Amino acid sequence: GAGESTAVLADIVRDRARGYVVSIHDPISRGAHCLLGSNAFDYDYIVTSTLASQSGPAVGRAFGSVLYNTLKLPNPKFPPGSLSFVSLGDGSINNGHFSSAINVVDYAVHQKVKVPLLIAVTNNKMCISLRDKNNWLFTFVNKLLNFRKFKCDGNDMLSVYQQFKFAADYVRKSQKPAIIVVDEIRRQFGHAATDRQHAYLSEEEIEALANNDVLLKLCRQWIQLGVFREA
């Protein structure tokens, strides 16, 4: 009922708040690392990190899901056709954790092992204060021969939904890895609370980012498409 749904939502919000402050009461990491997740649905794989350390476990989940169902073990956590999803920022593709994960996936695909993995890379062309002036991300992604590539506009939620659906459907049906770039991400309020934007952005750039309201754009799209009516 409505009461149960409210209680579940409260659990999720509380668990995520614990993750944000790296609390020992965080049900996922127990304060070991800054993760996001909830135990409300027993899906403790909803995690994030600034250092790409989530990449290896995501590959392991993909392998584990396939192996568990192949061996027909009882009570599988993930049903057949599931995929493992992981996201990271464009700066994190240079991290050793990510390189190791990609190498394992490449080897597995070469050995004809199923790897239902979807990687999302959010691209704001900036690794905190280091600008990506020459599109290194796309040069890197194009070298991933065993990954199907997708791209969406991070400022257009309809584009995000459409391309993520295409990517997820591909991974589920083929049981092969894919990577999607969420392009032109613009952080409204900086990389983190400790980020000193004034050190590498002009006042005009900071103001433009603050005024980039993706949800407002989505509402306008819905009105234009007739989903909602203007009040």
Protein backbone atom coordinates (compact mmCIF):
# COMPACT_ATOMS: atom_id res chain seq x y z
CA GLY A 1 0.00 0.00 0.00
CA ALA A 2 0.87 3.69 0.15
CA GLY A 3 2.27 3.32 3.66
CA GLU A 4 4.67 0.57 2.59
CA SER A 5 5.85 2.60 -0.42
CA THR A 6 6.51 5.61 1.81
CA ALA A 7 8.49 3.45 4.24
CA VAL A 8 10.60 1.97 1.42
CA LEU A 9 11.31 5.46 0.02
CA ALA A 10 12.32 6.64 3.49
CA ASP A 11 14.74 3.70 3.78
CA ILE A 12 16.31 4.53 0.41
CA VAL A 13 16.73 8.22 1.26
CA ARG A 14 18.18 7.37 4.67
CA ASP A 15 20.62 4.83 3.22
CA ARG A 16 21.77 7.27 0.56
CA ALA A 17 22.28 10.00 3.14
CA ARG A 18 24.45 7.60 5.12
CA GLY A 19 26.45 6.90 1.97
CA TYR A 20 27.00 10.61 1.33
CA VAL A 21 28.57 11.12 4.75
CA VAL A 22 30.48 7.79 4.69
CA SER A 23 28.63 6.62 7.79
CA ILE A 24 29.44 3.32 9.52
CA HIS A 25 25.68 2.73 9.31
CA ASP A 26 25.77 2.78 5.50
CA PRO A 27 24.41 -0.71 4.65
CA ILE A 28 26.60 -0.99 1.55
CA SER A 29 30.10 0.07 2.61
CA ARG A 30 29.85 0.32 6.40
CA GLY A 31 31.78 3.56 6.08
CA ALA A 32 34.66 2.07 4.10
CA HIS A 33 34.08 4.14 0.99
CA CYS A 34 31.74 6.78 -0.38
CA LEU A 35 29.01 4.75 -2.07
CA LEU A 36 25.35 5.20 -2.91
CA GLY A 37 22.81 2.43 -2.50
CA SER A 38 19.98 0.96 -0.52
CA ASN A 39 19.20 -2.40 0.99
CA ALA A 40 15.45 -1.82 0.62
CA PHE A 41 15.28 -3.97 -2.52
CA ASP A 42 18.38 -6.07 -1.80
CA TYR A 43 20.07 -4.42 -4.79
CA ASP A 44 23.33 -3.42 -3.16
CA TYR A 45 25.08 -2.95 -6.52
CA ILE A 46 23.83 0.64 -6.91
CA VAL A 47 27.17 2.31 -6.24
CA THR A 48 29.24 5.22 -7.38
CA SER A 49 32.76 6.48 -6.84
CA THR A 50 35.02 9.30 -7.97
CA LEU A 51 37.98 6.98 -8.55
CA ALA A 52 36.57 4.32 -10.93
CA SER A 53 36.97 1.69 -8.21
CA GLN A 54 33.40 0.61 -8.94
CA SER A 55 34.43 -0.68 -12.39
CA GLY A 56 35.96 -3.99 -11.32
CA PRO A 57 33.00 -5.06 -9.16
CA ALA A 58 30.65 -4.21 -12.05
CA VAL A 59 32.54 -6.63 -14.30
CA GLY A 60 32.38 -9.24 -11.54
CA ARG A 61 28.62 -8.80 -11.26
CA ALA A 62 28.25 -9.34 -15.00
CA PHE A 63 30.27 -12.57 -14.83
CA GLY A 64 28.52 -13.72 -11.66
CA SER A 65 25.04 -13.20 -13.02
CA VAL A 66 25.75 -15.25 -16.13
CA LEU A 67 27.55 -18.01 -14.21
CA TYR A 68 24.84 -18.28 -11.56
CA ASN A 69 22.10 -18.71 -14.12
CA THR A 70 24.20 -21.03 -16.32
CA LEU A 71 24.76 -23.36 -13.37
CA LYS A 72 21.02 -23.11 -12.55
CA LEU A 73 21.72 -22.39 -8.91
CA PRO A 74 18.69 -21.76 -6.70
CA ASN A 75 17.35 -18.30 -5.86
CA PRO A 76 19.44 -16.21 -8.26
CA LYS A 77 19.78 -12.60 -7.18
CA PHE A 78 19.55 -11.43 -10.79
CA PRO A 79 17.19 -13.08 -13.30
CA PRO A 80 18.37 -14.29 -16.74
CA GLY A 81 18.82 -11.38 -19.12
CA SER A 82 20.02 -9.01 -16.40
CA LEU A 83 22.84 -6.55 -16.99
CA SER A 84 25.45 -4.97 -14.77
CA PHE A 85 25.50 -1.17 -14.92
CA VAL A 86 28.27 1.17 -13.82
CA SER A 87 28.88 4.88 -14.34
CA LEU A 88 31.89 7.15 -13.98
CA GLY A 89 33.15 10.55 -15.09
CA ASP A 90 35.30 11.24 -18.12
CA GLY A 91 38.37 11.89 -15.97
CA SER A 92 38.08 8.43 -14.39
CA ILE A 93 38.65 6.58 -17.66
CA ASN A 94 42.36 7.26 -17.07
CA ASN A 95 42.27 5.48 -13.72
CA GLY A 96 43.97 2.13 -13.27
CA HIS A 97 40.83 0.52 -11.86
CA PHE A 98 39.00 1.28 -15.10
CA SER A 99 41.87 0.12 -17.29
CA SER A 100 41.99 -3.20 -15.42
CA ALA A 101 38.23 -3.68 -15.76
CA ILE A 102 38.32 -2.96 -19.50
CA ASN A 103 41.22 -5.37 -19.99
CA VAL A 104 39.32 -8.20 -18.25
CA VAL A 105 36.23 -7.52 -20.41
CA ASP A 106 38.29 -7.53 -23.61
CA TYR A 107 39.89 -10.84 -22.66
CA ALA A 108 36.53 -12.38 -21.77
CA VAL A 109 34.91 -11.33 -25.05
CA HIS A 110 37.92 -12.68 -26.93
CA GLN A 111 37.32 -16.01 -25.18
CA LYS A 112 33.62 -15.81 -26.17
CA VAL A 113 32.47 -15.37 -22.58
CA LYS A 114 29.21 -13.46 -22.06
CA VAL A 115 29.68 -10.06 -20.42
CA PRO A 116 26.34 -8.23 -19.97
CA LEU A 117 27.92 -4.95 -18.90
CA LEU A 118 26.79 -1.38 -19.61
CA ILE A 119 29.21 1.44 -18.82
CA ALA A 120 28.08 5.07 -18.77
CA VAL A 121 30.64 7.86 -18.94
CA THR A 122 29.43 11.35 -18.10
CA ASN A 123 31.38 13.90 -20.10
CA ASN A 124 31.76 17.47 -18.91
CA LYS A 125 35.15 17.73 -20.64
CA MET A 126 36.74 18.52 -17.32
CA CYS A 127 38.43 16.36 -14.71
CA ILE A 128 37.89 18.88 -11.90
CA SER A 129 40.32 21.55 -13.11
CA LEU A 130 41.87 19.66 -16.06
CA ARG A 131 40.09 20.49 -19.30
CA ASP A 132 39.76 17.97 -22.12
CA LYS A 133 40.47 20.30 -25.02
CA ASN A 134 41.11 17.64 -27.65
CA ASN A 135 38.27 15.14 -27.04
CA TRP A 136 40.47 12.46 -25.50
CA LEU A 137 37.37 10.66 -24.23
CA PHE A 138 36.09 9.87 -27.73
CA THR A 139 39.57 8.88 -28.90
CA PHE A 140 39.71 6.46 -26.00
CA VAL A 141 36.19 5.09 -26.52
CA ASN A 142 36.81 4.49 -30.22
CA LYS A 143 39.67 2.16 -29.31
CA LEU A 144 37.32 -0.16 -27.39
CA LEU A 145 36.77 -2.70 -30.15
CA ASN A 146 34.65 -5.10 -28.09
CA PHE A 147 32.16 -2.50 -26.89
CA ARG A 148 29.09 -1.27 -28.78
CA LYS A 149 29.12 2.53 -28.55
CA PHE A 150 26.20 4.86 -27.79
CA LYS A 151 26.01 8.60 -27.13
CA CYS A 152 23.32 10.91 -25.78
CA ASP A 153 22.97 14.61 -25.01
CA GLY A 154 23.26 15.05 -21.25
CA ASN A 155 21.13 18.20 -21.45
CA ASP A 156 18.24 16.44 -23.18
CA MET A 157 16.50 13.92 -20.93
CA LEU A 158 14.58 12.43 -23.85
CA SER A 159 17.87 11.74 -25.63
CA VAL A 160 19.24 10.20 -22.43
CA TYR A 161 16.20 7.93 -22.05
CA GLN A 162 16.17 6.85 -25.69
CA GLN A 163 19.86 6.04 -25.98
CA PHE A 164 20.02 4.31 -22.60
CA LYS A 165 17.10 2.14 -23.66
CA PHE A 166 18.85 1.25 -26.92
CA ALA A 167 22.06 0.44 -25.02
CA ALA A 168 20.35 -1.61 -22.31
CA ASP A 169 18.30 -3.57 -24.85
CA TYR A 170 21.47 -4.34 -26.81
CA VAL A 171 23.33 -5.62 -23.73
CA ARG A 172 20.40 -7.71 -22.52
CA LYS A 173 19.79 -9.37 -25.88
CA SER A 174 23.39 -9.87 -26.98
CA GLN A 175 24.95 -10.43 -23.51
CA LYS A 176 27.83 -8.29 -24.79
CA PRO A 177 29.31 -5.09 -23.32
CA ALA A 178 28.39 -1.57 -24.36
CA ILE A 179 29.49 1.92 -23.41
CA ILE A 180 27.39 5.08 -23.54
CA VAL A 181 28.75 8.62 -23.35
CA VAL A 182 26.45 11.12 -21.68
CA ASP A 183 27.84 14.11 -23.51
CA GLU A 184 27.97 17.83 -22.67
CA ILE A 185 27.20 17.35 -18.98
CA ARG A 186 27.16 20.74 -17.25
CA ARG A 187 27.41 20.66 -13.48
CA GLN A 188 25.28 23.43 -12.04
CA PHE A 189 27.21 23.84 -8.81
CA GLY A 190 30.71 22.56 -9.44
CA HIS A 191 32.42 19.23 -9.10
CA ALA A 192 32.09 19.01 -5.31
CA ALA A 193 31.61 21.21 -2.27
CA THR A 194 35.38 21.62 -2.04
CA ASP A 195 35.77 22.52 -5.71
CA ARG A 196 37.23 26.00 -6.30
CA GLN A 197 35.62 26.81 -9.64
CA HIS A 198 37.02 30.33 -9.70
CA ALA A 199 40.49 28.84 -10.13
CA TYR A 200 39.69 27.55 -13.62
CA LEU A 201 36.35 29.03 -14.70
CA SER A 202 35.35 32.59 -15.43
CA GLU A 203 32.42 34.28 -13.69
CA GLU A 204 30.45 34.04 -16.95
CA GLU A 205 31.10 30.28 -17.23
CA ILE A 206 30.07 29.67 -13.62
CA GLU A 207 26.87 31.66 -14.09
CA ALA A 208 26.03 29.81 -17.33
CA LEU A 209 26.47 26.47 -15.58
CA ALA A 210 24.30 27.54 -12.64
CA ASN A 211 21.52 28.55 -15.03
CA ASN A 212 21.55 25.24 -16.88
CA ASP A 213 18.46 23.58 -15.40
CA VAL A 214 17.98 20.21 -17.11
CA LEU A 215 14.70 19.46 -15.30
CA LEU A 216 13.24 22.78 -16.42
CA LYS A 217 14.20 21.92 -20.00
CA LEU A 218 12.52 18.54 -19.63
CA CYS A 219 9.29 20.16 -18.39
CA ARG A 220 9.33 22.48 -21.41
CA GLN A 221 9.80 19.49 -23.71
CA TRP A 222 6.84 17.71 -22.13
CA ILE A 223 4.66 20.80 -22.60
CA GLN A 224 5.74 21.09 -26.25
CA LEU A 225 4.97 17.38 -26.79
CA GLY A 226 1.61 17.67 -25.11
CA VAL A 227 2.49 15.39 -22.18
CA PHE A 228 1.73 18.24 -19.77
CA ARG A 229 -0.31 21.41 -20.11
CA GLU A 230 1.04 24.76 -18.97
CA ALA A 231 -0.65 25.86 -15.75
